[in-house]
Amino acid sequence: VGGATNFRNSGVHIKPKKYAATFFSYIDPVSMKMDDGFTEHSGCPVIEGEKKIVTQWVRLGVDNENPWNSFNTLGIKYSDAAEQ
């Protein structure tokens, strides 16, 4: 009971189900633009039982030539930031 995930700016409230997961993306795959806050979310209190959370960040542009650690926390390549 409890433990829902609430996306307040988009009016979505997801109640947890056993063995289910919620996936969402911050970027539009067509326009390649970040959302305008619609993925801002929070977890509601768990009243009974437990809620397990797994987070997997997928960084756009990571490949063999551009490993994940070549980007800063804002997603900007260190080499590009040095040129600015």
C-alpha atoms as a PDB file:
ATOM      1  CA  VAL A   1       0.000   0.000   0.000  1.00  0.00           C
ATOM      2  CA  GLY A   2       1.341   3.431  -0.879  1.00  0.00           C
ATOM      3  CA  GLY A   3       4.646   3.966  -2.697  1.00  0.00           C
ATOM      4  CA  ALA A   4       3.240   5.442  -5.897  1.00  0.00           C
ATOM      5  CA  THR A   5       5.337   7.635  -8.178  1.00  0.00           C
ATOM      6  CA  ASN A   6       3.851  11.035  -8.852  1.00  0.00           C
ATOM      7  CA  PHE A   7       4.740  13.152 -11.908  1.00  0.00           C
ATOM      8  CA  ARG A   8       3.218  16.402 -10.692  1.00  0.00           C
ATOM      9  CA  ASN A   9       3.808  18.540 -13.790  1.00  0.00           C
ATOM     10  CA  SER A  10       2.224  16.017 -16.122  1.00  0.00           C
ATOM     11  CA  GLY A  11      -0.605  14.889 -13.850  1.00  0.00           C
ATOM     12  CA  VAL A  12       0.480  11.230 -13.896  1.00  0.00           C
ATOM     13  CA  HIS A  13       0.269   9.092 -10.754  1.00  0.00           C
ATOM     14  CA  ILE A  14       1.588   5.534 -11.067  1.00  0.00           C
ATOM     15  CA  LYS A  15       0.596   2.986  -8.452  1.00  0.00           C
ATOM     16  CA  PRO A  16       3.179   0.247  -7.986  1.00  0.00           C
ATOM     17  CA  LYS A  17       2.446  -3.323  -9.051  1.00  0.00           C
ATOM     18  CA  LYS A  18       4.464  -6.362  -8.043  1.00  0.00           C
ATOM     19  CA  TYR A  19       7.158  -7.257 -10.624  1.00  0.00           C
ATOM     20  CA  ALA A  20       6.393  -4.139 -12.698  1.00  0.00           C
ATOM     21  CA  ALA A  21       8.608  -1.184 -13.570  1.00  0.00           C
ATOM     22  CA  THR A  22       8.205   2.395 -14.716  1.00  0.00           C
ATOM     23  CA  PHE A  23      10.484   3.729 -17.449  1.00  0.00           C
ATOM     24  CA  PHE A  24      10.606   7.291 -18.689  1.00  0.00           C
ATOM     25  CA  SER A  25      12.954   9.420 -20.733  1.00  0.00           C
ATOM     26  CA  TYR A  26      13.989  13.034 -20.270  1.00  0.00           C
ATOM     27  CA  ILE A  27      14.671  13.585 -23.949  1.00  0.00           C
ATOM     28  CA  ASP A  28      12.426  13.552 -27.014  1.00  0.00           C
ATOM     29  CA  PRO A  29      13.985  11.064 -29.474  1.00  0.00           C
ATOM     30  CA  VAL A  30      12.763  13.061 -32.484  1.00  0.00           C
ATOM     31  CA  SER A  31      13.644  16.650 -31.515  1.00  0.00           C
ATOM     32  CA  MET A  32      16.514  15.620 -29.184  1.00  0.00           C
ATOM     33  CA  LYS A  33      15.334  18.287 -26.711  1.00  0.00           C
ATOM     34  CA  MET A  34      15.034  17.858 -22.958  1.00  0.00           C
ATOM     35  CA  ASP A  35      11.541  17.950 -21.513  1.00  0.00           C
ATOM     36  CA  ASP A  36      10.158  21.058 -19.830  1.00  0.00           C
ATOM     37  CA  GLY A  37       9.757  19.523 -16.400  1.00  0.00           C
ATOM     38  CA  PHE A  38       7.122  16.902 -17.228  1.00  0.00           C
ATOM     39  CA  THR A  39       9.351  14.125 -15.861  1.00  0.00           C
ATOM     40  CA  GLU A  40       9.834  15.801 -12.487  1.00  0.00           C
ATOM     41  CA  HIS A  41       8.694  13.134 -10.071  1.00  0.00           C
ATOM     42  CA  SER A  42       8.576  12.081  -6.452  1.00  0.00           C
ATOM     43  CA  GLY A  43       7.884   8.903  -4.532  1.00  0.00           C
ATOM     44  CA  CYS A  44       4.894   8.735  -2.253  1.00  0.00           C
ATOM     45  CA  PRO A  45       5.323   7.205   1.207  1.00  0.00           C
ATOM     46  CA  VAL A  46       5.133   3.429   1.524  1.00  0.00           C
ATOM     47  CA  ILE A  47       2.421   2.607   4.061  1.00  0.00           C
ATOM     48  CA  GLU A  48       2.710  -1.164   4.018  1.00  0.00           C
ATOM     49  CA  GLY A  49       5.415  -3.421   2.573  1.00  0.00           C
ATOM     50  CA  GLU A  50       8.483  -2.139   0.746  1.00  0.00           C
ATOM     51  CA  LYS A  51       9.394  -0.370  -2.468  1.00  0.00           C
ATOM     52  CA  LYS A  52      12.593  -1.093  -4.343  1.00  0.00           C
ATOM     53  CA  ILE A  53      14.060   1.467  -6.708  1.00  0.00           C
ATOM     54  CA  VAL A  54      16.590   0.886  -9.468  1.00  0.00           C
ATOM     55  CA  THR A  55      17.964   3.814 -11.447  1.00  0.00           C
ATOM     56  CA  GLN A  56      19.821   3.435 -14.725  1.00  0.00           C
ATOM     57  CA  TRP A  57      21.034   6.599 -16.401  1.00  0.00           C
ATOM     58  CA  VAL A  58      21.556   6.351 -20.136  1.00  0.00           C
ATOM     59  CA  ARG A  59      23.783   9.111 -21.463  1.00  0.00           C
ATOM     60  CA  LEU A  60      23.160  10.280 -25.023  1.00  0.00           C
ATOM     61  CA  GLY A  61      26.262  10.082 -27.218  1.00  0.00           C
ATOM     62  CA  VAL A  62      28.180   7.426 -25.297  1.00  0.00           C
ATOM     63  CA  ASP A  63      29.978   4.919 -27.498  1.00  0.00           C
ATOM     64  CA  ASN A  64      33.435   3.349 -27.821  1.00  0.00           C
ATOM     65  CA  GLU A  65      34.998   6.646 -28.955  1.00  0.00           C
ATOM     66  CA  ASN A  66      33.124   8.697 -26.330  1.00  0.00           C
ATOM     67  CA  PRO A  67      33.052   6.720 -23.055  1.00  0.00           C
ATOM     68  CA  TRP A  68      30.731   7.780 -20.237  1.00  0.00           C
ATOM     69  CA  ASN A  69      33.575   9.329 -18.221  1.00  0.00           C
ATOM     70  CA  SER A  70      34.395  11.806 -21.010  1.00  0.00           C
ATOM     71  CA  PHE A  71      31.263  13.796 -19.987  1.00  0.00           C
ATOM     72  CA  ASN A  72      30.719  16.029 -16.963  1.00  0.00           C
ATOM     73  CA  THR A  73      27.606  15.868 -14.756  1.00  0.00           C
ATOM     74  CA  LEU A  74      25.760  18.226 -17.131  1.00  0.00           C
ATOM     75  CA  GLY A  75      26.327  15.884 -20.079  1.00  0.00           C
ATOM     76  CA  ILE A  76      28.903  18.157 -21.718  1.00  0.00           C
ATOM     77  CA  LYS A  77      32.056  16.550 -23.040  1.00  0.00           C
ATOM     78  CA  TYR A  78      35.096  17.701 -21.096  1.00  0.00           C
ATOM     79  CA  SER A  79      36.899  18.459 -24.369  1.00  0.00           C
ATOM     80  CA  ASP A  80      34.015  20.677 -25.566  1.00  0.00           C
ATOM     81  CA  ALA A  81      33.864  22.505 -22.223  1.00  0.00           C
ATOM     82  CA  ALA A  82      37.610  23.242 -22.402  1.00  0.00           C
ATOM     83  CA  GLU A  83      37.166  24.925 -25.801  1.00  0.00           C
ATOM     84  CA  GLN A  84      34.599  27.399 -24.447  1.00  0.00           C
END
